[in-house]
Amino acid sequence: MPNPRTTFKMLVAGAAMCIGGPALVWYVSPTEEELFKRYNPELQKRSLENRKERQEDFDKFVTNLKEYSKSDKPIWTVAKEAEEKNRREAAAKMREEQQALAAGIERRRQEIRSSASS
């Protein structure tokens, strides 16, 4: 049987590492406000300007993750499918815009031809 004094020392050392280690990290880690104060004024200004946009992006990301998690498929599979769907929709929208632009150009050509022949 081990010596009770050695066992006590081992328990104290283990508790010091398990409790003291995270406590030390928490103590020496700067808060967000302290980090922000260390920025130069230009970065502080830019950070404040972009804060709302970053928050909206994060909220959109979390909302998408919640939607993806409702599926029985893995999240990365659903995310890839959604990305493909968005890409197809963007391509279709681009084609529609190009067709509308081409129709407008053709209409102007016809107007020019009709006004030139008059």
N, C-alpha and C. Protein backbone atom coordinates (compact mmCIF):
# COMPACT_ATOMS: atom_id res chain seq x y z
N MET A 1 0.85 -1.18 0.00
CA MET A 1 0.00 0.00 0.00
C MET A 1 0.89 1.23 0.00
N PRO A 2 0.51 2.24 -0.84
CA PRO A 2 1.34 3.44 -0.91
C PRO A 2 1.25 4.25 0.38
N ASN A 3 2.27 5.02 0.56
CA ASN A 3 2.36 5.88 1.73
C ASN A 3 1.26 6.95 1.66
N PRO A 4 0.48 7.19 2.72
CA PRO A 4 -0.59 8.20 2.68
C PRO A 4 -0.07 9.61 2.41
N ARG A 5 1.12 9.89 2.85
CA ARG A 5 1.69 11.21 2.61
C ARG A 5 1.95 11.42 1.12
N THR A 6 2.47 10.42 0.44
CA THR A 6 2.73 10.48 -1.00
C THR A 6 1.41 10.61 -1.77
N THR A 7 0.41 9.86 -1.32
CA THR A 7 -0.90 9.92 -1.96
C THR A 7 -1.49 11.32 -1.82
N PHE A 8 -1.35 11.92 -0.66
CA PHE A 8 -1.86 13.28 -0.43
C PHE A 8 -1.13 14.28 -1.33
N LYS A 9 0.19 14.16 -1.43
CA LYS A 9 0.98 15.04 -2.29
C LYS A 9 0.53 14.91 -3.74
N MET A 10 0.28 13.67 -4.16
CA MET A 10 -0.15 13.42 -5.54
C MET A 10 -1.51 14.07 -5.80
N LEU A 11 -2.44 13.93 -4.86
CA LEU A 11 -3.76 14.54 -5.01
C LEU A 11 -3.67 16.06 -5.04
N VAL A 12 -2.85 16.65 -4.20
CA VAL A 12 -2.69 18.10 -4.17
C VAL A 12 -2.08 18.58 -5.48
N ALA A 13 -1.05 17.88 -5.97
CA ALA A 13 -0.41 18.28 -7.23
C ALA A 13 -1.39 18.14 -8.39
N GLY A 14 -2.18 17.06 -8.42
CA GLY A 14 -3.18 16.86 -9.47
C GLY A 14 -4.24 17.95 -9.45
N ALA A 15 -4.72 18.29 -8.26
CA ALA A 15 -5.73 19.34 -8.13
C ALA A 15 -5.16 20.68 -8.55
N ALA A 16 -3.90 20.95 -8.21
CA ALA A 16 -3.26 22.21 -8.59
C ALA A 16 -3.18 22.32 -10.11
N MET A 17 -2.85 21.22 -10.77
CA MET A 17 -2.76 21.26 -12.24
C MET A 17 -4.14 21.35 -12.88
N CYS A 18 -5.10 20.58 -12.37
CA CYS A 18 -6.44 20.57 -12.98
C CYS A 18 -7.21 21.86 -12.74
N ILE A 19 -7.00 22.48 -11.61
CA ILE A 19 -7.71 23.71 -11.29
C ILE A 19 -6.84 24.93 -11.60
N GLY A 20 -5.59 24.85 -11.24
CA GLY A 20 -4.69 25.99 -11.42
C GLY A 20 -4.37 26.30 -12.86
N GLY A 21 -4.23 25.29 -13.71
CA GLY A 21 -3.91 25.51 -15.11
C GLY A 21 -4.96 26.34 -15.83
N PRO A 22 -6.21 25.88 -15.83
CA PRO A 22 -7.26 26.69 -16.46
C PRO A 22 -7.45 28.06 -15.80
N ALA A 23 -7.27 28.12 -14.47
CA ALA A 23 -7.40 29.41 -13.78
C ALA A 23 -6.32 30.37 -14.25
N LEU A 24 -5.10 29.88 -14.44
CA LEU A 24 -4.01 30.72 -14.92
C LEU A 24 -4.29 31.23 -16.34
N VAL A 25 -4.79 30.33 -17.21
CA VAL A 25 -5.12 30.73 -18.57
C VAL A 25 -6.21 31.80 -18.55
N TRP A 26 -7.24 31.61 -17.74
CA TRP A 26 -8.32 32.58 -17.63
C TRP A 26 -7.80 33.93 -17.12
N TYR A 27 -6.86 33.88 -16.18
CA TYR A 27 -6.32 35.10 -15.58
C TYR A 27 -5.48 35.91 -16.57
N VAL A 28 -4.68 35.23 -17.38
CA VAL A 28 -3.76 35.95 -18.28
C VAL A 28 -4.37 36.26 -19.64
N SER A 29 -5.52 35.67 -20.00
CA SER A 29 -6.15 35.93 -21.29
C SER A 29 -6.84 37.29 -21.27
N PRO A 30 -6.55 38.15 -22.25
CA PRO A 30 -7.20 39.46 -22.29
C PRO A 30 -8.66 39.33 -22.72
N THR A 31 -9.49 40.26 -22.28
CA THR A 31 -10.89 40.28 -22.68
C THR A 31 -10.99 40.92 -24.06
N GLU A 32 -12.17 40.84 -24.66
CA GLU A 32 -12.37 41.46 -25.97
C GLU A 32 -12.17 42.97 -25.92
N GLU A 33 -12.62 43.59 -24.84
CA GLU A 33 -12.46 45.04 -24.70
C GLU A 33 -10.99 45.42 -24.63
N GLU A 34 -10.19 44.64 -23.87
CA GLU A 34 -8.76 44.94 -23.77
C GLU A 34 -8.07 44.78 -25.13
N LEU A 35 -8.44 43.76 -25.87
CA LEU A 35 -7.87 43.59 -27.21
C LEU A 35 -8.27 44.75 -28.12
N PHE A 36 -9.54 45.15 -28.05
CA PHE A 36 -10.03 46.24 -28.89
C PHE A 36 -9.28 47.54 -28.58
N LYS A 37 -9.01 47.79 -27.30
CA LYS A 37 -8.31 49.02 -26.91
C LYS A 37 -6.87 49.02 -27.43
N ARG A 38 -6.29 47.86 -27.69
CA ARG A 38 -4.92 47.78 -28.19
C ARG A 38 -4.84 48.03 -29.70
N TYR A 39 -5.99 47.97 -30.39
CA TYR A 39 -6.00 48.27 -31.83
C TYR A 39 -5.59 49.71 -32.05
N ASN A 40 -5.02 49.99 -33.22
CA ASN A 40 -4.79 51.40 -33.54
C ASN A 40 -6.14 52.02 -33.92
N PRO A 41 -6.27 53.33 -33.87
CA PRO A 41 -7.58 53.97 -34.09
C PRO A 41 -8.22 53.63 -35.44
N GLU A 42 -7.41 53.48 -36.47
CA GLU A 42 -7.98 53.15 -37.78
C GLU A 42 -8.64 51.76 -37.76
N LEU A 43 -7.97 50.79 -37.13
CA LEU A 43 -8.56 49.45 -37.03
C LEU A 43 -9.81 49.46 -36.15
N GLN A 44 -9.80 50.25 -35.09
CA GLN A 44 -10.99 50.35 -34.24
C GLN A 44 -12.17 50.87 -35.04
N LYS A 45 -11.92 51.89 -35.84
CA LYS A 45 -13.00 52.49 -36.65
C LYS A 45 -13.53 51.48 -37.65
N ARG A 46 -12.61 50.80 -38.35
CA ARG A 46 -13.02 49.81 -39.35
C ARG A 46 -13.78 48.65 -38.70
N SER A 47 -13.31 48.24 -37.51
CA SER A 47 -13.97 47.15 -36.81
C SER A 47 -15.39 47.53 -36.42
N LEU A 48 -15.56 48.75 -35.94
CA LEU A 48 -16.91 49.20 -35.57
C LEU A 48 -17.82 49.30 -36.78
N GLU A 49 -17.26 49.73 -37.92
CA GLU A 49 -18.08 49.85 -39.13
C GLU A 49 -18.53 48.48 -39.64
N ASN A 50 -17.68 47.48 -39.52
CA ASN A 50 -17.98 46.15 -40.06
C ASN A 50 -18.67 45.24 -39.06
N ARG A 51 -18.88 45.69 -37.85
CA ARG A 51 -19.43 44.82 -36.80
C ARG A 51 -20.82 44.30 -37.17
N LYS A 52 -21.70 45.18 -37.64
CA LYS A 52 -23.07 44.78 -37.96
C LYS A 52 -23.08 43.76 -39.10
N GLU A 53 -22.25 44.01 -40.12
CA GLU A 53 -22.19 43.09 -41.25
C GLU A 53 -21.69 41.71 -40.82
N ARG A 54 -20.66 41.68 -39.98
CA ARG A 54 -20.14 40.39 -39.49
C ARG A 54 -21.19 39.67 -38.65
N GLN A 55 -21.93 40.42 -37.84
CA GLN A 55 -22.96 39.81 -37.01
C GLN A 55 -24.07 39.22 -37.88
N GLU A 56 -24.46 39.93 -38.94
CA GLU A 56 -25.49 39.42 -39.85
C GLU A 56 -25.00 38.16 -40.57
N ASP A 57 -23.73 38.16 -40.99
CA ASP A 57 -23.16 36.98 -41.64
C ASP A 57 -23.17 35.78 -40.70
N PHE A 58 -22.80 36.02 -39.44
CA PHE A 58 -22.78 34.94 -38.46
C PHE A 58 -24.19 34.42 -38.21
N ASP A 59 -25.14 35.33 -38.07
CA ASP A 59 -26.53 34.92 -37.84
C ASP A 59 -27.05 34.09 -39.02
N LYS A 60 -26.72 34.51 -40.23
CA LYS A 60 -27.12 33.76 -41.42
C LYS A 60 -26.47 32.37 -41.43
N PHE A 61 -25.20 32.31 -41.05
CA PHE A 61 -24.49 31.04 -40.99
C PHE A 61 -25.14 30.10 -39.99
N VAL A 62 -25.47 30.61 -38.81
CA VAL A 62 -26.10 29.77 -37.78
C VAL A 62 -27.49 29.32 -38.23
N THR A 63 -28.23 30.22 -38.86
CA THR A 63 -29.56 29.86 -39.37
C THR A 63 -29.45 28.74 -40.40
N ASN A 64 -28.46 28.87 -41.31
CA ASN A 64 -28.26 27.83 -42.31
C ASN A 64 -27.88 26.51 -41.66
N LEU A 65 -27.03 26.54 -40.65
CA LEU A 65 -26.65 25.30 -39.96
C LEU A 65 -27.86 24.65 -39.30
N LYS A 66 -28.74 25.46 -38.73
CA LYS A 66 -29.95 24.90 -38.11
C LYS A 66 -30.82 24.23 -39.17
N GLU A 67 -30.94 24.87 -40.34
CA GLU A 67 -31.72 24.28 -41.43
C GLU A 67 -31.07 22.98 -41.90
N TYR A 68 -29.75 23.00 -42.06
CA TYR A 68 -29.04 21.81 -42.53
C TYR A 68 -29.17 20.66 -41.54
N SER A 69 -29.21 20.97 -40.24
CA SER A 69 -29.25 19.91 -39.23
C SER A 69 -30.62 19.23 -39.17
N LYS A 70 -31.65 19.83 -39.77
CA LYS A 70 -32.98 19.21 -39.76
C LYS A 70 -33.04 18.01 -40.69
N SER A 71 -32.12 17.94 -41.63
CA SER A 71 -32.10 16.85 -42.59
C SER A 71 -31.49 15.60 -41.96
N ASP A 72 -31.82 14.43 -42.54
CA ASP A 72 -31.23 13.18 -42.07
C ASP A 72 -29.82 12.99 -42.61
N LYS A 73 -29.47 13.76 -43.63
CA LYS A 73 -28.15 13.65 -44.25
C LYS A 73 -27.12 14.39 -43.38
N PRO A 74 -25.82 14.08 -43.59
CA PRO A 74 -24.79 14.85 -42.88
C PRO A 74 -24.83 16.32 -43.29
N ILE A 75 -24.45 17.18 -42.37
CA ILE A 75 -24.54 18.63 -42.59
C ILE A 75 -23.72 19.04 -43.80
N TRP A 76 -22.52 18.48 -43.96
CA TRP A 76 -21.67 18.91 -45.08
C TRP A 76 -22.28 18.53 -46.42
N THR A 77 -23.03 17.41 -46.46
CA THR A 77 -23.69 17.02 -47.70
C THR A 77 -24.82 18.00 -48.03
N VAL A 78 -25.61 18.32 -47.02
CA VAL A 78 -26.72 19.26 -47.22
C VAL A 78 -26.18 20.64 -47.60
N ALA A 79 -25.07 21.05 -46.96
CA ALA A 79 -24.48 22.35 -47.27
C ALA A 79 -23.98 22.39 -48.71
N LYS A 80 -23.38 21.28 -49.15
CA LYS A 80 -22.88 21.23 -50.53
C LYS A 80 -24.05 21.29 -51.51
N GLU A 81 -25.14 20.58 -51.21
CA GLU A 81 -26.32 20.62 -52.07
C GLU A 81 -26.90 22.03 -52.12
N ALA A 82 -26.97 22.70 -50.97
CA ALA A 82 -27.51 24.06 -50.93
C ALA A 82 -26.60 25.01 -51.71
N GLU A 83 -25.30 24.81 -51.62
CA GLU A 83 -24.37 25.64 -52.37
C GLU A 83 -24.56 25.44 -53.87
N GLU A 84 -24.74 24.19 -54.30
CA GLU A 84 -25.00 23.91 -55.72
C GLU A 84 -26.30 24.57 -56.17
N LYS A 85 -27.33 24.47 -55.34
CA LYS A 85 -28.62 25.07 -55.67
C LYS A 85 -28.47 26.59 -55.82
N ASN A 86 -27.76 27.22 -54.89
CA ASN A 86 -27.54 28.67 -54.97
C ASN A 86 -26.76 29.04 -56.22
N ARG A 87 -25.78 28.22 -56.57
CA ARG A 87 -24.98 28.49 -57.77
C ARG A 87 -25.84 28.39 -59.02
N ARG A 88 -26.71 27.35 -59.07
CA ARG A 88 -27.61 27.20 -60.23
C ARG A 88 -28.58 28.36 -60.32
N GLU A 89 -29.13 28.78 -59.19
CA GLU A 89 -30.07 29.91 -59.18
C GLU A 89 -29.38 31.19 -59.63
N ALA A 90 -28.15 31.41 -59.19
CA ALA A 90 -27.41 32.60 -59.59
C ALA A 90 -27.12 32.57 -61.09
N ALA A 91 -26.78 31.38 -61.62
CA ALA A 91 -26.52 31.26 -63.06
C ALA A 91 -27.80 31.52 -63.85
N ALA A 92 -28.93 30.99 -63.37
CA ALA A 92 -30.21 31.20 -64.06
C ALA A 92 -30.57 32.70 -64.04
N LYS A 93 -30.36 33.34 -62.92
CA LYS A 93 -30.65 34.77 -62.81
C LYS A 93 -29.76 35.56 -63.76
N MET A 94 -28.50 35.17 -63.86
CA MET A 94 -27.57 35.85 -64.76
C MET A 94 -28.01 35.68 -66.21
N ARG A 95 -28.46 34.46 -66.57
CA ARG A 95 -28.95 34.22 -67.93
C ARG A 95 -30.17 35.09 -68.22
N GLU A 96 -31.09 35.18 -67.27
CA GLU A 96 -32.28 36.01 -67.45
C GLU A 96 -31.91 37.47 -67.66
N GLU A 97 -30.96 37.95 -66.88
CA GLU A 97 -30.52 39.34 -67.03
C GLU A 97 -29.88 39.56 -68.39
N GLN A 98 -29.07 38.60 -68.83
CA GLN A 98 -28.44 38.72 -70.14
C GLN A 98 -29.48 38.70 -71.26
N GLN A 99 -30.51 37.85 -71.13
CA GLN A 99 -31.57 37.80 -72.13
C GLN A 99 -32.35 39.10 -72.16
N ALA A 100 -32.63 39.66 -70.99
CA ALA A 100 -33.34 40.93 -70.93
C ALA A 100 -32.50 42.04 -71.55
N LEU A 101 -31.21 42.03 -71.28
CA LEU A 101 -30.32 43.02 -71.87
C LEU A 101 -30.26 42.88 -73.38
N ALA A 102 -30.17 41.63 -73.86
CA ALA A 102 -30.14 41.39 -75.31
C ALA A 102 -31.45 41.83 -75.95
N ALA A 103 -32.58 41.57 -75.29
CA ALA A 103 -33.88 42.00 -75.82
C ALA A 103 -33.94 43.53 -75.88
N GLY A 104 -33.42 44.20 -74.88
CA GLY A 104 -33.40 45.66 -74.89
C GLY A 104 -32.54 46.21 -76.00
N ILE A 105 -31.39 45.58 -76.22
CA ILE A 105 -30.51 46.00 -77.31
C ILE A 105 -31.19 45.80 -78.66
N GLU A 106 -31.84 44.66 -78.84
CA GLU A 106 -32.54 44.39 -80.10
C GLU A 106 -33.68 45.37 -80.32
N ARG A 107 -34.41 45.70 -79.25
CA ARG A 107 -35.50 46.66 -79.35
C ARG A 107 -34.96 48.03 -79.77
N ARG A 108 -33.83 48.46 -79.21
CA ARG A 108 -33.22 49.73 -79.60
C ARG A 108 -32.77 49.71 -81.05
N ARG A 109 -32.23 48.58 -81.50
CA ARG A 109 -31.83 48.45 -82.91
C ARG A 109 -33.02 48.63 -83.83
N GLN A 110 -34.12 47.98 -83.45
CA GLN A 110 -35.34 48.11 -84.27
C GLN A 110 -35.83 49.55 -84.29
N GLU A 111 -35.77 50.21 -83.15
CA GLU A 111 -36.19 51.61 -83.09
C GLU A 111 -35.31 52.48 -83.98
N ILE A 112 -34.00 52.21 -83.93
CA ILE A 112 -33.06 52.99 -84.76
C ILE A 112 -33.33 52.73 -86.24
N ARG A 113 -33.55 51.47 -86.60
CA ARG A 113 -33.84 51.12 -88.00
C ARG A 113 -35.13 51.77 -88.46
N SER A 114 -36.14 51.72 -87.61
CA SER A 114 -37.44 52.30 -88.02
C SER A 114 -37.35 53.83 -88.11
N SER A 115 -36.59 54.45 -87.22
CA SER A 115 -36.45 55.91 -87.30
C SER A 115 -35.56 56.32 -88.47
N ALA A 116 -34.60 55.48 -88.83
CA ALA A 116 -33.70 55.80 -89.96
C ALA A 116 -34.43 55.65 -91.29
N SER A 117 -35.32 54.72 -91.40
CA SER A 117 -36.05 54.48 -92.65
C SER A 117 -37.20 55.46 -92.83
N SER A 118 -37.61 56.15 -91.78
CA SER A 118 -38.73 57.10 -91.88
C SER A 118 -38.35 58.39 -92.51
